Each structure stands twice: as structure tokens, then as C-alpha cells.
Amino acid sequence: MLDNRDHDFSSALLRQALGICTAIGEPRLTRATLVDPAPAPDKEAEFGQLEFDDGHAGLYYAWLGGEQATLQERYRSRVRPGLGAIDLAELLIEPDDAARSIGLAAINALTARLFTQAGYTPPEPDDSFGGLALQPGDRLGMVGNFPSLVRQARARNLEVLVLEKKPHMARHEPGLVITPDPSVLRDANKILCTGTTLLNNSLDRVLPDCRHAERLALVGPTAGCLPDLLFERGFDFVASGIVTDPLAARARIRANEKLAGSVRRTLISRDAYPGFATLLANAQSRRAN
């Protein structure tokens, strides 16, 4: 169930999505790639995708389990070609993970539409650590276990402190702690937060244990929504991606392959981001011309 904080965030994001459609038009769904989550030791992630008639697409992370496991069966009739993006985005305020996954994917596609129409191209990151600029002596916190990033950080001899709710992942060894106890984050000076917190209603619950950090980044393809509300909550960076080739992304999703080559990685910093109002004004101006 959404608590008031979650509902406030989702409702505000939905209002921004509606603002995009009101200002520059509402795209229609052309295809939905809804997956049955199948986590495996040799895979790091799996995604679903919504594609729209303006050429843009939005991703959602598909390993949450729970209601996501029955997403295809429960939502195929509700996610059909011809639906407007707002009809799909409104699913973000429903209480289950499957609905929210679809809703956020629609909002991610609308965000990409706004960026294109406004002529805004987010910068690409230098590495996978979301703008944190890791240095010797840093203690890296993670909300969500990113195995590849843990390996990279440990290869730099950095201490890594991971909040991960899945109990079977818990570990405690020199230089690495993986635990369901959120207080572990209080010892980290730089923190990466997974974009799945936008899907499982946990974002505002973990933030109190993150706000002390020198740098705080939200990362992952599902974090491809407008970042204004995230910057308001204390994030310094949002590292995500924009689907550049929906057809190739769809093929890779169906083949259980990585999305490399079909998604452009992005890194938006709070200090350099023009803001929703400016982007919307620019998009309207360019559209008028």
C-alpha cells in the first residue's frame, strides 16, 4: 500500500507527465514487451519496455518479484496498443508493483519525449558510479545490491556497505557488508540508490539514512523519469538511460541480452539540469516554430 509520502511523489510525477502531454501532445502505445521475471546467477538485470508512436520508449526493471511475476497475465488486457501515455502513466499511483512498473515506464517515455522536443541532451557518464567521483578512502553505500559495481569498488580497495532486503544475499566480510539493516548506510560518505526504489515504494523510507552523504545518486534505467522531484529530495545525480533503438531493445529483452547499443546512458546533475519548467517552455517554443 502507498503511504502518504509515496503517494505524494507518484502524484507529483504524474502531474508532470500530464503537463508534458498537455503542452506537446500525448503519444499512443504501439507495443508493450511485458516479461515474466526470471532472475538468474549469470544475469544482472531484466527489463520490460513500452513503445509509443512518437518513436520513444520507456523501460522498467523486472526483478522485483511479487505482483511483477504475474504482470503479463494480469495486465496484458490493460496495456494494449492505442492507449494514451497518460492512461498508462496513471498506473503509477496504484498500490502493486506490476502496475507501478508499467506506469513508470510510460513516464520514462514521456520524459524522453520532452527532452527531444526541448532539444536537451543529457550528458553521458564517465563511469557506472553515478557521478560520485569515488576517491581512495571513500566508504561507498548502496541501496540495492549491484554485484558488478561491488566488484569494481572492491577492486579499488573501497569499503562497500549495501542495504539489500533479500536475506539470502546478506554477507559480512572485510571491506563488504550486505544487510537488510538500513542503518548500515549511515557509515557511508557516498551513496548509490537503485531506481527500483521508485517501483517498490521504498524511496522515502530509505532517504533518512542517506541524506548525510556528501554525494547521493539514483541509478538505473528505471530512473529515467524527470529528475526535479529527486533533486528536491536531496539527490545530487540521476544516472539512467534513454532508449535510442526501441526495436533493438525489444529484441535484446526477448533474447535475455544486455541492452547495450540500444540505450544511451545519461547522467544528470542537479547543478546543471535546466529544470522541468524550462524544458517545457523550450519544447513548446520549438514546437510552435
C-alpha atoms as a PDB file:
ATOM      1  CA  MET A   1       0.000   0.000   0.000  1.00  0.00           C
ATOM      2  CA  LEU A   2       1.220   3.504  -0.785  1.00  0.00           C
ATOM      3  CA  ASP A   3       1.797   5.672   2.252  1.00  0.00           C
ATOM      4  CA  ASN A   4       1.303   9.443   2.025  1.00  0.00           C
ATOM      5  CA  ARG A   5       4.933  10.111   1.073  1.00  0.00           C
ATOM      6  CA  ASP A   6       4.902   7.569  -1.751  1.00  0.00           C
ATOM      7  CA  HIS A   7       1.561   8.825  -2.995  1.00  0.00           C
ATOM      8  CA  ASP A   8       2.748  12.441  -2.933  1.00  0.00           C
ATOM      9  CA  PHE A   9       5.818  11.579  -5.021  1.00  0.00           C
ATOM     10  CA  SER A  10       3.879   9.468  -7.532  1.00  0.00           C
ATOM     11  CA  SER A  11       1.099  12.036  -7.850  1.00  0.00           C
ATOM     12  CA  ALA A  12       3.591  14.861  -8.426  1.00  0.00           C
ATOM     13  CA  LEU A  13       5.398  12.824 -11.086  1.00  0.00           C
ATOM     14  CA  LEU A  14       2.076  12.052 -12.741  1.00  0.00           C
ATOM     15  CA  ARG A  15       1.199  15.774 -12.802  1.00  0.00           C
ATOM     16  CA  GLN A  16       4.456  16.459 -14.618  1.00  0.00           C
ATOM     17  CA  ALA A  17       3.634  13.726 -17.136  1.00  0.00           C
ATOM     18  CA  LEU A  18       0.229  15.281 -17.728  1.00  0.00           C
ATOM     19  CA  GLY A  19       1.919  18.653 -18.200  1.00  0.00           C
ATOM     20  CA  ILE A  20       4.097  17.188 -20.950  1.00  0.00           C
ATOM     21  CA  CYS A  21       1.112  15.770 -22.814  1.00  0.00           C
ATOM     22  CA  THR A  22      -0.892  18.971 -22.444  1.00  0.00           C
ATOM     23  CA  ALA A  23       1.989  21.080 -23.771  1.00  0.00           C
ATOM     24  CA  ILE A  24       3.367  18.968 -26.604  1.00  0.00           C
ATOM     25  CA  GLY A  25       0.856  16.197 -27.242  1.00  0.00           C
ATOM     26  CA  GLU A  26       0.163  12.702 -25.947  1.00  0.00           C
ATOM     27  CA  PRO A  27       1.730   9.723 -27.713  1.00  0.00           C
ATOM     28  CA  ARG A  28      -0.080   6.404 -28.087  1.00  0.00           C
ATOM     29  CA  LEU A  29       1.176   2.945 -27.211  1.00  0.00           C
ATOM     30  CA  THR A  30       2.253   0.834 -30.162  1.00  0.00           C
ATOM     31  CA  ARG A  31       3.784  -2.169 -28.391  1.00  0.00           C
ATOM     32  CA  ALA A  32       4.394  -3.480 -24.884  1.00  0.00           C
ATOM     33  CA  THR A  33       7.094  -6.004 -24.047  1.00  0.00           C
ATOM     34  CA  LEU A  34       5.998  -7.374 -20.674  1.00  0.00           C
ATOM     35  CA  VAL A  35       8.294 -10.006 -19.235  1.00  0.00           C
ATOM     36  CA  ASP A  36       7.954 -12.774 -16.685  1.00  0.00           C
ATOM     37  CA  PRO A  37      10.804 -12.026 -14.259  1.00  0.00           C
ATOM     38  CA  ALA A  38      13.448 -14.745 -14.361  1.00  0.00           C
ATOM     39  CA  PRO A  39      16.421 -13.800 -12.154  1.00  0.00           C
ATOM     40  CA  ALA A  40      19.491 -15.962 -12.686  1.00  0.00           C
ATOM     41  CA  PRO A  41      23.065 -16.005 -11.334  1.00  0.00           C
ATOM     42  CA  ASP A  42      24.501 -15.212 -14.771  1.00  0.00           C
ATOM     43  CA  LYS A  43      22.247 -12.183 -15.341  1.00  0.00           C
ATOM     44  CA  GLU A  44      22.410  -8.792 -13.635  1.00  0.00           C
ATOM     45  CA  ALA A  45      19.049  -7.367 -14.673  1.00  0.00           C
ATOM     46  CA  GLU A  46      15.988  -7.817 -16.826  1.00  0.00           C
ATOM     47  CA  PHE A  47      13.631  -5.171 -18.177  1.00  0.00           C
ATOM     48  CA  GLY A  48      10.266  -4.630 -19.799  1.00  0.00           C
ATOM     49  CA  GLN A  49       9.518  -1.902 -22.332  1.00  0.00           C
ATOM     50  CA  LEU A  50       6.658   0.267 -23.584  1.00  0.00           C
ATOM     51  CA  GLU A  51       6.935   1.733 -27.104  1.00  0.00           C
ATOM     52  CA  PHE A  52       4.966   4.731 -28.378  1.00  0.00           C
ATOM     53  CA  ASP A  53       4.010   6.126 -31.768  1.00  0.00           C
ATOM     54  CA  ASP A  54       6.361   9.104 -31.412  1.00  0.00           C
ATOM     55  CA  GLY A  55       9.360   6.745 -31.525  1.00  0.00           C
ATOM     56  CA  HIS A  56      10.134   6.925 -27.820  1.00  0.00           C
ATOM     57  CA  ALA A  57      10.144   4.059 -25.345  1.00  0.00           C
ATOM     58  CA  GLY A  58      10.370   3.586 -21.593  1.00  0.00           C
ATOM     59  CA  LEU A  59      11.876   0.793 -19.515  1.00  0.00           C
ATOM     60  CA  TYR A  60      11.019  -0.786 -16.189  1.00  0.00           C
ATOM     61  CA  TYR A  61      13.088  -3.112 -14.023  1.00  0.00           C
ATOM     62  CA  ALA A  62      11.563  -6.604 -13.913  1.00  0.00           C
ATOM     63  CA  TRP A  63      13.144  -8.398 -10.979  1.00  0.00           C
ATOM     64  CA  LEU A  64      11.044  -7.156  -8.083  1.00  0.00           C
ATOM     65  CA  GLY A  65       9.058 -10.368  -7.804  1.00  0.00           C
ATOM     66  CA  GLY A  66       5.682 -10.237  -6.076  1.00  0.00           C
ATOM     67  CA  GLU A  67       2.977  -8.904  -8.359  1.00  0.00           C
ATOM     68  CA  GLN A  68       5.512  -8.462 -11.172  1.00  0.00           C
ATOM     69  CA  ALA A  69       5.594 -12.232 -11.534  1.00  0.00           C
ATOM     70  CA  THR A  70       2.036 -12.160 -12.879  1.00  0.00           C
ATOM     71  CA  LEU A  71       2.333  -8.913 -14.828  1.00  0.00           C
ATOM     72  CA  GLN A  72       1.766 -10.432 -18.265  1.00  0.00           C
ATOM     73  CA  GLU A  73      -1.311 -12.345 -17.182  1.00  0.00           C
ATOM     74  CA  ARG A  74      -2.899  -9.528 -15.189  1.00  0.00           C
ATOM     75  CA  TYR A  75      -2.090  -6.511 -17.330  1.00  0.00           C
ATOM     76  CA  ARG A  76      -1.952  -7.605 -20.952  1.00  0.00           C
ATOM     77  CA  SER A  77      -5.594  -6.598 -21.485  1.00  0.00           C
ATOM     78  CA  ARG A  78      -4.991  -3.215 -19.822  1.00  0.00           C
ATOM     79  CA  VAL A  79      -1.776  -2.475 -21.740  1.00  0.00           C
ATOM     80  CA  ARG A  80      -2.896  -2.560 -25.337  1.00  0.00           C
ATOM     81  CA  PRO A  81      -1.911  -0.647 -28.481  1.00  0.00           C
ATOM     82  CA  GLY A  82      -3.708   2.649 -28.910  1.00  0.00           C
ATOM     83  CA  LEU A  83      -3.813   3.608 -25.254  1.00  0.00           C
ATOM     84  CA  GLY A  84      -2.609   7.099 -24.441  1.00  0.00           C
ATOM     85  CA  ALA A  85       0.549   7.538 -22.397  1.00  0.00           C
ATOM     86  CA  ILE A  86      -1.364   9.150 -19.523  1.00  0.00           C
ATOM     87  CA  ASP A  87      -3.739   6.179 -19.252  1.00  0.00           C
ATOM     88  CA  LEU A  88      -0.639   4.050 -18.662  1.00  0.00           C
ATOM     89  CA  ALA A  89       1.211   6.591 -16.506  1.00  0.00           C
ATOM     90  CA  GLU A  90      -1.742   6.671 -14.101  1.00  0.00           C
ATOM     91  CA  LEU A  91      -0.898   3.103 -13.107  1.00  0.00           C
ATOM     92  CA  LEU A  92       1.981   4.591 -11.097  1.00  0.00           C
ATOM     93  CA  ILE A  93      -0.410   5.553  -8.296  1.00  0.00           C
ATOM     94  CA  GLU A  94      -1.824   2.040  -7.942  1.00  0.00           C
ATOM     95  CA  PRO A  95      -0.549   0.012  -4.981  1.00  0.00           C
ATOM     96  CA  ASP A  96       1.046  -3.034  -6.638  1.00  0.00           C
ATOM     97  CA  ASP A  97       4.478  -3.366  -8.200  1.00  0.00           C
ATOM     98  CA  ALA A  98       3.206  -4.575 -11.579  1.00  0.00           C
ATOM     99  CA  ALA A  99       1.030  -1.526 -12.130  1.00  0.00           C
ATOM    100  CA  ARG A 100       3.711   0.868 -10.938  1.00  0.00           C
ATOM    101  CA  SER A 101       6.261  -0.739 -13.265  1.00  0.00           C
ATOM    102  CA  ILE A 102       4.079  -0.014 -16.287  1.00  0.00           C
ATOM    103  CA  GLY A 103       3.240   3.474 -15.054  1.00  0.00           C
ATOM    104  CA  LEU A 104       6.879   4.426 -14.574  1.00  0.00           C
ATOM    105  CA  ALA A 105       7.858   3.033 -17.988  1.00  0.00           C
ATOM    106  CA  ALA A 106       5.239   5.311 -19.555  1.00  0.00           C
ATOM    107  CA  ILE A 107       6.554   8.315 -17.633  1.00  0.00           C
ATOM    108  CA  ASN A 108      10.111   7.474 -18.692  1.00  0.00           C
ATOM    109  CA  ALA A 109       8.994   7.501 -22.326  1.00  0.00           C
ATOM    110  CA  LEU A 110       7.278  10.870 -21.832  1.00  0.00           C
ATOM    111  CA  THR A 111      10.456  12.231 -20.239  1.00  0.00           C
ATOM    112  CA  ALA A 112      12.430  11.172 -23.319  1.00  0.00           C
ATOM    113  CA  ARG A 113       9.788  12.873 -25.477  1.00  0.00           C
ATOM    114  CA  LEU A 114      10.163  16.119 -23.555  1.00  0.00           C
ATOM    115  CA  PHE A 115      13.959  16.024 -23.747  1.00  0.00           C
ATOM    116  CA  THR A 116      13.812  15.507 -27.519  1.00  0.00           C
ATOM    117  CA  GLN A 117      11.244  18.226 -28.118  1.00  0.00           C
ATOM    118  CA  ALA A 118      13.156  20.669 -25.877  1.00  0.00           C
ATOM    119  CA  GLY A 119      16.475  19.951 -27.610  1.00  0.00           C
ATOM    120  CA  TYR A 120      18.009  18.773 -24.350  1.00  0.00           C
ATOM    121  CA  THR A 121      20.601  16.002 -24.471  1.00  0.00           C
ATOM    122  CA  PRO A 122      21.688  14.834 -21.005  1.00  0.00           C
ATOM    123  CA  PRO A 123      25.445  14.231 -20.667  1.00  0.00           C
ATOM    124  CA  GLU A 124      26.869  10.715 -20.696  1.00  0.00           C
ATOM    125  CA  PRO A 125      28.623   9.416 -17.569  1.00  0.00           C
ATOM    126  CA  ASP A 126      32.337   8.696 -17.308  1.00  0.00           C
ATOM    127  CA  ASP A 127      31.743   5.515 -15.305  1.00  0.00           C
ATOM    128  CA  SER A 128      28.984   3.478 -13.681  1.00  0.00           C
ATOM    129  CA  PHE A 129      29.067   5.187 -10.295  1.00  0.00           C
ATOM    130  CA  GLY A 130      26.520   7.906 -10.995  1.00  0.00           C
ATOM    131  CA  GLY A 131      28.749  10.983 -10.676  1.00  0.00           C
ATOM    132  CA  LEU A 132      30.020  10.060  -7.215  1.00  0.00           C
ATOM    133  CA  ALA A 133      33.681  10.649  -8.191  1.00  0.00           C
ATOM    134  CA  LEU A 134      34.964   7.922  -5.892  1.00  0.00           C
ATOM    135  CA  GLN A 135      38.312   8.544  -4.208  1.00  0.00           C
ATOM    136  CA  PRO A 136      40.627   6.441  -2.015  1.00  0.00           C
ATOM    137  CA  GLY A 137      39.216   6.309   1.478  1.00  0.00           C
ATOM    138  CA  ASP A 138      35.582   6.701   0.427  1.00  0.00           C
ATOM    139  CA  ARG A 139      33.032   4.390   2.005  1.00  0.00           C
ATOM    140  CA  LEU A 140      30.506   3.547  -0.689  1.00  0.00           C
ATOM    141  CA  GLY A 141      26.918   2.887   0.332  1.00  0.00           C
ATOM    142  CA  MET A 142      24.440   1.147  -1.930  1.00  0.00           C
ATOM    143  CA  VAL A 143      20.680   0.880  -1.684  1.00  0.00           C
ATOM    144  CA  GLY A 144      20.233  -2.359  -3.565  1.00  0.00           C
ATOM    145  CA  ASN A 145      22.945  -4.865  -4.381  1.00  0.00           C
ATOM    146  CA  PHE A 146      24.756  -4.098  -7.663  1.00  0.00           C
ATOM    147  CA  PRO A 147      27.162  -7.082  -7.930  1.00  0.00           C
ATOM    148  CA  SER A 148      29.216  -5.655 -10.798  1.00  0.00           C
ATOM    149  CA  LEU A 149      29.613  -2.297  -9.036  1.00  0.00           C
ATOM    150  CA  VAL A 150      30.509  -4.009  -5.779  1.00  0.00           C
ATOM    151  CA  ARG A 151      33.276  -5.841  -7.623  1.00  0.00           C
ATOM    152  CA  GLN A 152      34.530  -2.628  -9.234  1.00  0.00           C
ATOM    153  CA  ALA A 153      34.528  -0.763  -5.930  1.00  0.00           C
ATOM    154  CA  ARG A 154      36.280  -3.567  -4.089  1.00  0.00           C
ATOM    155  CA  ALA A 155      38.888  -3.669  -6.877  1.00  0.00           C
ATOM    156  CA  ARG A 156      39.633  -0.048  -5.903  1.00  0.00           C
ATOM    157  CA  ASN A 157      40.020  -1.171  -2.275  1.00  0.00           C
ATOM    158  CA  LEU A 158      36.944   0.810  -1.240  1.00  0.00           C
ATOM    159  CA  GLU A 159      34.750  -0.316   1.623  1.00  0.00           C
ATOM    160  CA  VAL A 160      31.221  -1.128   0.418  1.00  0.00           C
ATOM    161  CA  LEU A 161      28.108  -1.033   2.610  1.00  0.00           C
ATOM    162  CA  VAL A 162      24.964  -2.432   0.973  1.00  0.00           C
ATOM    163  CA  LEU A 163      21.343  -2.219   2.072  1.00  0.00           C
ATOM    164  CA  GLU A 164      19.646  -5.227   0.480  1.00  0.00           C
ATOM    165  CA  LYS A 165      16.301  -6.589   1.681  1.00  0.00           C
ATOM    166  CA  LYS A 166      16.780 -10.084   0.215  1.00  0.00           C
ATOM    167  CA  PRO A 167      18.032 -12.090   3.222  1.00  0.00           C
ATOM    168  CA  HIS A 168      19.866 -14.721   1.176  1.00  0.00           C
ATOM    169  CA  MET A 169      22.254 -12.019  -0.089  1.00  0.00           C
ATOM    170  CA  ALA A 170      23.395 -10.995   3.388  1.00  0.00           C
ATOM    171  CA  ARG A 171      27.200 -11.090   3.813  1.00  0.00           C
ATOM    172  CA  HIS A 172      29.712  -9.671   6.226  1.00  0.00           C
ATOM    173  CA  GLU A 173      33.388  -9.823   5.323  1.00  0.00           C
ATOM    174  CA  PRO A 174      36.356  -7.440   5.394  1.00  0.00           C
ATOM    175  CA  GLY A 175      35.502  -4.436   3.231  1.00  0.00           C
ATOM    176  CA  LEU A 176      31.961  -5.577   2.423  1.00  0.00           C
ATOM    177  CA  VAL A 177      28.704  -5.623   4.343  1.00  0.00           C
ATOM    178  CA  ILE A 178      25.379  -6.619   2.761  1.00  0.00           C
ATOM    179  CA  THR A 179      22.496  -6.379   5.196  1.00  0.00           C
ATOM    180  CA  PRO A 180      18.751  -5.591   5.415  1.00  0.00           C
ATOM    181  CA  ASP A 181      19.540  -3.078   8.189  1.00  0.00           C
ATOM    182  CA  PRO A 182      19.256   0.474   6.737  1.00  0.00           C
ATOM    183  CA  SER A 183      21.490   1.913   9.466  1.00  0.00           C
ATOM    184  CA  VAL A 184      24.482   0.475   7.580  1.00  0.00           C
ATOM    185  CA  LEU A 185      24.203   3.449   5.221  1.00  0.00           C
ATOM    186  CA  ARG A 186      24.989   5.927   7.966  1.00  0.00           C
ATOM    187  CA  ASP A 187      28.667   4.960   7.773  1.00  0.00           C
ATOM    188  CA  ALA A 188      28.904   5.685   4.016  1.00  0.00           C
ATOM    189  CA  ASN A 189      30.005   9.080   2.712  1.00  0.00           C
ATOM    190  CA  LYS A 190      28.836   8.476  -0.881  1.00  0.00           C
ATOM    191  CA  ILE A 191      25.701   6.511  -1.730  1.00  0.00           C
ATOM    192  CA  LEU A 192      24.221   4.898  -4.833  1.00  0.00           C
ATOM    193  CA  CYS A 193      20.481   4.268  -4.661  1.00  0.00           C
ATOM    194  CA  THR A 194      18.777   1.889  -7.064  1.00  0.00           C
ATOM    195  CA  GLY A 195      15.977   3.209  -9.260  1.00  0.00           C
ATOM    196  CA  THR A 196      13.823   0.271  -8.161  1.00  0.00           C
ATOM    197  CA  THR A 197      13.011   2.283  -5.043  1.00  0.00           C
ATOM    198  CA  LEU A 198      10.663   4.199  -7.359  1.00  0.00           C
ATOM    199  CA  LEU A 199       8.768   0.961  -8.007  1.00  0.00           C
ATOM    200  CA  ASN A 200       8.611  -0.718  -4.612  1.00  0.00           C
ATOM    201  CA  ASN A 201       7.539   2.288  -2.527  1.00  0.00           C
ATOM    202  CA  SER A 202      10.788   2.451  -0.585  1.00  0.00           C
ATOM    203  CA  LEU A 203      12.409   5.701  -1.764  1.00  0.00           C
ATOM    204  CA  ASP A 204      11.205   7.994   1.005  1.00  0.00           C
ATOM    205  CA  ARG A 205      11.780   5.275   3.591  1.00  0.00           C
ATOM    206  CA  VAL A 206      15.499   4.941   2.868  1.00  0.00           C
ATOM    207  CA  LEU A 207      16.295   8.618   2.358  1.00  0.00           C
ATOM    208  CA  PRO A 208      16.609   9.473   6.082  1.00  0.00           C
ATOM    209  CA  ASP A 209      19.607   7.120   6.224  1.00  0.00           C
ATOM    210  CA  CYS A 210      21.149   8.681   3.091  1.00  0.00           C
ATOM    211  CA  ARG A 211      20.873  12.441   3.458  1.00  0.00           C
ATOM    212  CA  HIS A 212      24.127  12.792   5.413  1.00  0.00           C
ATOM    213  CA  ALA A 213      26.104  11.618   2.357  1.00  0.00           C
ATOM    214  CA  GLU A 214      28.498  14.000   0.612  1.00  0.00           C
ATOM    215  CA  ARG A 215      27.099  12.787  -2.708  1.00  0.00           C
ATOM    216  CA  LEU A 216      23.889  10.877  -3.371  1.00  0.00           C
ATOM    217  CA  ALA A 217      22.970   9.349  -6.731  1.00  0.00           C
ATOM    218  CA  LEU A 218      19.936   7.492  -8.041  1.00  0.00           C
ATOM    219  CA  VAL A 219      20.911   4.991 -10.725  1.00  0.00           C
ATOM    220  CA  GLY A 220      19.327   2.546 -13.146  1.00  0.00           C
ATOM    221  CA  PRO A 221      17.285   2.527 -16.370  1.00  0.00           C
ATOM    222  CA  THR A 222      14.035   2.816 -14.404  1.00  0.00           C
ATOM    223  CA  ALA A 223      15.242   6.178 -13.057  1.00  0.00           C
ATOM    224  CA  GLY A 224      14.656   7.725 -16.487  1.00  0.00           C
ATOM    225  CA  CYS A 225      11.857   9.973 -15.224  1.00  0.00           C
ATOM    226  CA  LEU A 226      12.059  13.731 -14.770  1.00  0.00           C
ATOM    227  CA  PRO A 227      14.644  14.310 -12.006  1.00  0.00           C
ATOM    228  CA  ASP A 228      13.186  17.503 -10.448  1.00  0.00           C
ATOM    229  CA  LEU A 229      11.422  15.693  -7.593  1.00  0.00           C
ATOM    230  CA  LEU A 230      14.532  13.624  -6.917  1.00  0.00           C
ATOM    231  CA  PHE A 231      16.754  16.678  -6.679  1.00  0.00           C
ATOM    232  CA  GLU A 232      14.232  18.176  -4.265  1.00  0.00           C
ATOM    233  CA  ARG A 233      14.699  15.091  -2.099  1.00  0.00           C
ATOM    234  CA  GLY A 234      18.443  15.593  -1.863  1.00  0.00           C
ATOM    235  CA  PHE A 235      19.891  13.641  -4.789  1.00  0.00           C
ATOM    236  CA  ASP A 236      22.908  15.201  -6.482  1.00  0.00           C
ATOM    237  CA  PHE A 237      22.818  12.995  -9.586  1.00  0.00           C
ATOM    238  CA  VAL A 238      20.397  10.821 -11.519  1.00  0.00           C
ATOM    239  CA  ALA A 239      22.144   8.266 -13.737  1.00  0.00           C
ATOM    240  CA  SER A 240      19.838   6.455 -16.121  1.00  0.00           C
ATOM    241  CA  GLY A 241      19.379   5.935 -19.830  1.00  0.00           C
ATOM    242  CA  ILE A 242      17.265   6.801 -22.849  1.00  0.00           C
ATOM    243  CA  VAL A 243      16.170   4.125 -25.310  1.00  0.00           C
ATOM    244  CA  THR A 244      17.658   5.091 -28.670  1.00  0.00           C
ATOM    245  CA  ASP A 245      16.590   1.994 -30.617  1.00  0.00           C
ATOM    246  CA  PRO A 246      13.313   0.534 -29.274  1.00  0.00           C
ATOM    247  CA  LEU A 247      13.310  -2.268 -31.850  1.00  0.00           C
ATOM    248  CA  ALA A 248      16.800  -3.420 -30.864  1.00  0.00           C
ATOM    249  CA  ALA A 249      15.956  -3.051 -27.173  1.00  0.00           C
ATOM    250  CA  ARG A 250      12.857  -5.193 -27.643  1.00  0.00           C
ATOM    251  CA  ALA A 251      14.882  -7.880 -29.387  1.00  0.00           C
ATOM    252  CA  ARG A 252      17.504  -7.862 -26.637  1.00  0.00           C
ATOM    253  CA  ILE A 253      14.859  -8.084 -23.921  1.00  0.00           C
ATOM    254  CA  ARG A 254      13.263 -11.087 -25.610  1.00  0.00           C
ATOM    255  CA  ALA A 255      16.655 -12.751 -26.035  1.00  0.00           C
ATOM    256  CA  ASN A 256      17.613 -12.070 -22.386  1.00  0.00           C
ATOM    257  CA  GLU A 257      20.563  -9.985 -23.557  1.00  0.00           C
ATOM    258  CA  LYS A 258      22.015  -6.767 -22.190  1.00  0.00           C
ATOM    259  CA  LEU A 259      20.587  -3.545 -23.595  1.00  0.00           C
ATOM    260  CA  ALA A 260      23.976  -2.160 -24.662  1.00  0.00           C
ATOM    261  CA  GLY A 261      23.763  -0.459 -28.025  1.00  0.00           C
ATOM    262  CA  SER A 262      20.047   0.249 -27.762  1.00  0.00           C
ATOM    263  CA  VAL A 263      20.130   2.579 -24.740  1.00  0.00           C
ATOM    264  CA  ARG A 264      22.165   5.767 -24.326  1.00  0.00           C
ATOM    265  CA  ARG A 265      23.430   6.170 -20.767  1.00  0.00           C
ATOM    266  CA  THR A 266      22.798   9.540 -19.134  1.00  0.00           C
ATOM    267  CA  LEU A 267      23.998  11.421 -16.064  1.00  0.00           C
ATOM    268  CA  ILE A 268      22.000  14.459 -14.959  1.00  0.00           C
ATOM    269  CA  SER A 269      23.438  16.592 -12.167  1.00  0.00           C
ATOM    270  CA  ARG A 270      21.355  18.874 -10.005  1.00  0.00           C
ATOM    271  CA  ASP A 271      23.651  21.849 -10.668  1.00  0.00           C
ATOM    272  CA  ALA A 272      23.498  21.586 -14.473  1.00  0.00           C
ATOM    273  CA  TYR A 273      19.891  20.481 -15.017  1.00  0.00           C
ATOM    274  CA  PRO A 274      17.723  23.189 -16.657  1.00  0.00           C
ATOM    275  CA  GLY A 275      14.545  22.189 -14.811  1.00  0.00           C
ATOM    276  CA  PHE A 276      11.107  20.983 -15.865  1.00  0.00           C
ATOM    277  CA  ALA A 277       9.621  24.442 -16.436  1.00  0.00           C
ATOM    278  CA  THR A 278      12.467  25.488 -18.727  1.00  0.00           C
ATOM    279  CA  LEU A 279      12.355  22.256 -20.690  1.00  0.00           C
ATOM    280  CA  LEU A 280       8.604  22.535 -21.128  1.00  0.00           C
ATOM    281  CA  ALA A 281       8.885  26.157 -22.322  1.00  0.00           C
ATOM    282  CA  ASN A 282      11.650  25.234 -24.759  1.00  0.00           C
ATOM    283  CA  ALA A 283       9.649  22.308 -26.098  1.00  0.00           C
ATOM    284  CA  GLN A 284       6.589  24.480 -26.660  1.00  0.00           C
ATOM    285  CA  SER A 285       8.673  27.169 -28.373  1.00  0.00           C
ATOM    286  CA  ARG A 286      10.358  24.691 -30.701  1.00  0.00           C
ATOM    287  CA  ARG A 287       7.019  23.056 -31.461  1.00  0.00           C
ATOM    288  CA  ALA A 288       5.465  26.429 -32.355  1.00  0.00           C
ATOM    289  CA  ASN A 289       8.306  27.126 -34.772  1.00  0.00           C
END
